Amino acid sequence: MENVHPGINTYFSRIRRNHGLEHATIHTLSERRPRTSIIGRSDSKGFFLYVDLPVEDIEDSVYTALKRLRNGEHELAIHPNCGTNLLTAGVLSGGAAFLSLQGSKNDQFIDRLNRFPTAIMGAIIGLLLAQPIGAKIQKHFTTMGDPGSMEILSVNKVPGARNKLYRILTTF
């Protein structure tokens, strides 16, 4: 991304750092409250958390996560349930299944049906490869474990949200 306009680099760097803090926060919350369902969404201004916990728990976990990232726990920026992993799984398994169905000499249903076990095996291999490849994609493209000069501006419950929805705002 070195040849890209500096403003674009800054924008994507902010999203990646916020995404890393989002994951680190989810890891911290999960350590404290196992089996709690948590969903996050990041952008250039911070991130949202969908979770049924008190604001004090969210706030404490956000600040703890930032501190841990600053102390070198950069692996907290990678999360196995990240959408990047889901996308990677879909692309790899779908692509493998698609490719395994190609190359038949005719387009008859029976020929494709005969290739179906190969398509299933291709999809399974794609799914097995998705976790480690997705983690690498997170590390190098969609998250950043080094928060840099990031500061937390606020941790607030979004008013009027039916479920618990929190908005965490950051600045750089």
Protein backbone atom coordinates (compact mmCIF):
# COMPACT_ATOMS: atom_id res chain seq x y z
CA MET A 1 0.00 0.00 0.00
CA GLU A 2 3.03 2.28 -0.23
CA ASN A 3 2.00 3.78 -3.58
CA VAL A 4 -1.52 4.55 -2.43
CA HIS A 5 -2.51 8.10 -1.44
CA PRO A 6 -1.45 8.82 2.19
CA GLY A 7 -5.05 9.64 3.20
CA ILE A 8 -6.17 6.20 2.03
CA ASN A 9 -3.33 4.57 3.98
CA THR A 10 -4.36 6.46 7.13
CA TYR A 11 -8.02 5.51 6.65
CA PHE A 12 -7.27 1.78 6.24
CA SER A 13 -4.71 1.86 9.06
CA ARG A 14 -7.40 3.23 11.39
CA ILE A 15 -9.87 0.54 10.38
CA ARG A 16 -7.23 -2.18 10.86
CA ARG A 17 -6.20 -0.84 14.29
CA ASN A 18 -9.84 -0.51 15.39
CA HIS A 19 -10.52 -4.03 14.11
CA GLY A 20 -7.53 -5.24 16.15
CA LEU A 21 -8.81 -3.49 19.28
CA GLU A 22 -12.28 -4.92 18.64
CA HIS A 23 -10.84 -8.45 18.56
CA ALA A 24 -8.67 -7.83 21.62
CA THR A 25 -11.74 -6.54 23.47
CA ILE A 26 -13.72 -9.63 22.48
CA HIS A 27 -10.88 -11.86 23.70
CA THR A 28 -10.79 -9.96 27.01
CA LEU A 29 -14.57 -10.12 27.45
CA SER A 30 -14.57 -13.83 26.58
CA GLU A 31 -11.91 -14.54 29.20
CA ARG A 32 -14.02 -12.81 31.85
CA ARG A 33 -17.42 -14.01 30.64
CA PRO A 34 -17.04 -17.36 28.83
CA ARG A 35 -19.94 -18.49 26.62
CA THR A 36 -21.12 -14.90 26.08
CA SER A 37 -22.24 -14.15 22.55
CA ILE A 38 -20.35 -11.14 21.17
CA ILE A 39 -20.45 -9.61 17.71
CA GLY A 40 -18.28 -6.71 16.60
CA ARG A 41 -18.11 -4.37 13.60
CA SER A 42 -15.23 -1.96 13.01
CA ASP A 43 -14.86 1.23 11.01
CA SER A 44 -12.41 4.14 10.85
CA LYS A 45 -13.93 5.85 13.91
CA GLY A 46 -14.02 2.85 16.25
CA PHE A 47 -16.24 -0.19 16.53
CA PHE A 48 -19.60 -1.52 17.65
CA LEU A 49 -20.13 -4.42 20.04
CA TYR A 50 -23.38 -6.36 20.20
CA VAL A 51 -23.34 -8.02 23.61
CA ASP A 52 -25.63 -8.35 26.61
CA LEU A 53 -23.31 -7.11 29.36
CA PRO A 54 -23.18 -4.00 31.55
CA VAL A 55 -21.40 -0.95 30.15
CA GLU A 56 -18.83 -1.18 32.99
CA ASP A 57 -17.71 -4.61 31.72
CA ILE A 58 -17.39 -3.29 28.17
CA GLU A 59 -15.49 -0.18 29.23
CA ASP A 60 -13.08 -2.13 31.45
CA SER A 61 -12.43 -4.69 28.70
CA VAL A 62 -11.80 -2.03 26.03
CA TYR A 63 -9.18 -0.28 28.18
CA THR A 64 -7.64 -3.60 29.24
CA ALA A 65 -7.47 -4.74 25.62
CA LEU A 66 -5.72 -1.53 24.54
CA LYS A 67 -3.23 -1.88 27.40
CA ARG A 68 -2.51 -5.51 26.49
CA LEU A 69 -1.99 -4.63 22.81
CA ARG A 70 0.40 -1.83 23.85
CA ASN A 71 2.26 -4.33 26.06
CA GLY A 72 2.98 -6.50 23.02
CA GLU A 73 0.09 -8.99 23.04
CA HIS A 74 -0.47 -8.37 19.33
CA GLU A 75 -1.93 -11.85 18.80
CA LEU A 76 -5.10 -10.58 20.52
CA ALA A 77 -5.87 -8.76 17.25
CA ILE A 78 -6.53 -12.13 15.56
CA HIS A 79 -9.83 -13.87 16.31
CA PRO A 80 -10.95 -17.29 15.01
CA ASN A 81 -14.57 -16.15 14.54
CA CYS A 82 -13.70 -13.09 12.48
CA GLY A 83 -15.69 -12.43 9.33
CA THR A 84 -12.38 -12.58 7.44
CA ASN A 85 -12.21 -16.29 8.34
CA LEU A 86 -15.81 -16.83 7.24
CA LEU A 87 -15.15 -15.12 3.92
CA THR A 88 -11.95 -17.12 3.45
CA ALA A 89 -13.82 -20.36 4.21
CA GLY A 90 -16.54 -19.50 1.70
CA VAL A 91 -14.12 -18.58 -1.06
CA LEU A 92 -11.82 -21.57 -0.54
CA SER A 93 -14.52 -24.21 -0.09
CA GLY A 94 -16.78 -22.81 -2.80
CA GLY A 95 -13.88 -22.35 -5.19
CA ALA A 96 -12.58 -25.87 -4.58
CA ALA A 97 -16.03 -27.37 -5.12
CA PHE A 98 -16.54 -25.31 -8.27
CA LEU A 99 -13.17 -26.30 -9.72
CA SER A 100 -13.72 -29.97 -8.96
CA LEU A 101 -16.95 -29.91 -10.99
CA GLN A 102 -15.19 -28.41 -14.01
CA GLY A 103 -13.55 -30.30 -16.82
CA SER A 104 -16.22 -32.83 -17.62
CA LYS A 105 -16.40 -33.77 -21.29
CA ASN A 106 -20.10 -33.18 -21.31
CA ASP A 107 -22.49 -31.19 -19.22
CA GLN A 108 -24.79 -34.04 -18.32
CA PHE A 109 -26.24 -34.29 -14.84
CA ILE A 110 -24.89 -37.83 -14.28
CA ASP A 111 -21.32 -36.71 -15.03
CA ARG A 112 -21.58 -33.86 -12.52
CA LEU A 113 -23.20 -36.21 -10.00
CA ASN A 114 -20.22 -38.56 -10.36
CA ARG A 115 -17.93 -35.63 -9.52
CA PHE A 116 -19.96 -34.66 -6.45
CA PRO A 117 -17.79 -36.64 -3.95
CA THR A 118 -14.73 -34.83 -5.33
CA ALA A 119 -16.52 -31.51 -4.90
CA ILE A 120 -17.32 -32.37 -1.28
CA MET A 121 -13.70 -33.35 -0.62
CA GLY A 122 -12.51 -30.11 -2.23
CA ALA A 123 -14.88 -28.10 -0.05
CA ILE A 124 -13.67 -29.89 3.09
CA ILE A 125 -10.05 -29.21 2.21
CA GLY A 126 -10.96 -25.56 1.60
CA LEU A 127 -12.59 -25.38 5.03
CA LEU A 128 -9.56 -26.96 6.72
CA LEU A 129 -7.22 -24.45 5.08
CA ALA A 130 -9.48 -21.49 5.82
CA GLN A 131 -8.59 -21.09 9.52
CA PRO A 132 -4.82 -20.71 9.13
CA ILE A 133 -5.13 -18.73 5.90
CA GLY A 134 -7.84 -16.50 7.39
CA ALA A 135 -5.61 -15.78 10.40
CA LYS A 136 -2.77 -14.76 8.06
CA ILE A 137 -5.13 -12.50 6.09
CA GLN A 138 -6.27 -10.91 9.35
CA LYS A 139 -2.68 -10.37 10.49
CA HIS A 140 -1.47 -8.79 7.25
CA PHE A 141 -4.57 -7.10 5.79
CA THR A 142 -7.68 -6.70 7.97
CA THR A 143 -6.37 -6.13 11.53
CA MET A 144 -3.34 -4.56 13.16
CA GLY A 145 -2.04 -5.64 16.56
CA ASP A 146 -0.03 -2.47 17.14
CA PRO A 147 -2.46 0.25 18.29
CA GLY A 148 0.06 3.01 17.61
CA SER A 149 -1.16 6.33 19.01
CA MET A 150 -4.76 5.13 19.38
CA GLU A 151 -6.74 6.55 22.29
CA ILE A 152 -10.24 5.64 23.41
CA LEU A 153 -12.64 8.58 23.23
CA SER A 154 -15.77 6.92 24.59
CA VAL A 155 -17.61 3.69 25.35
CA ASN A 156 -21.37 4.19 25.22
CA LYS A 157 -24.53 2.14 25.01
CA VAL A 158 -26.43 3.10 21.86
CA PRO A 159 -29.76 4.56 23.01
CA GLY A 160 -32.88 2.87 21.74
CA ALA A 161 -31.13 -0.32 20.65
CA ARG A 162 -33.33 -3.34 21.36
CA ASN A 163 -30.43 -5.55 22.28
CA LYS A 164 -27.28 -4.36 23.95
CA LEU A 165 -25.36 -2.33 21.39
CA TYR A 166 -22.26 -0.35 22.30
CA ARG A 167 -20.31 2.19 20.30
CA ILE A 168 -16.63 2.55 21.07
CA LEU A 169 -15.01 5.64 19.54
CA THR A 170 -11.26 6.03 19.11
CA THR A 171 -8.88 8.71 17.95
CA PHE A 172 -5.31 8.67 16.64
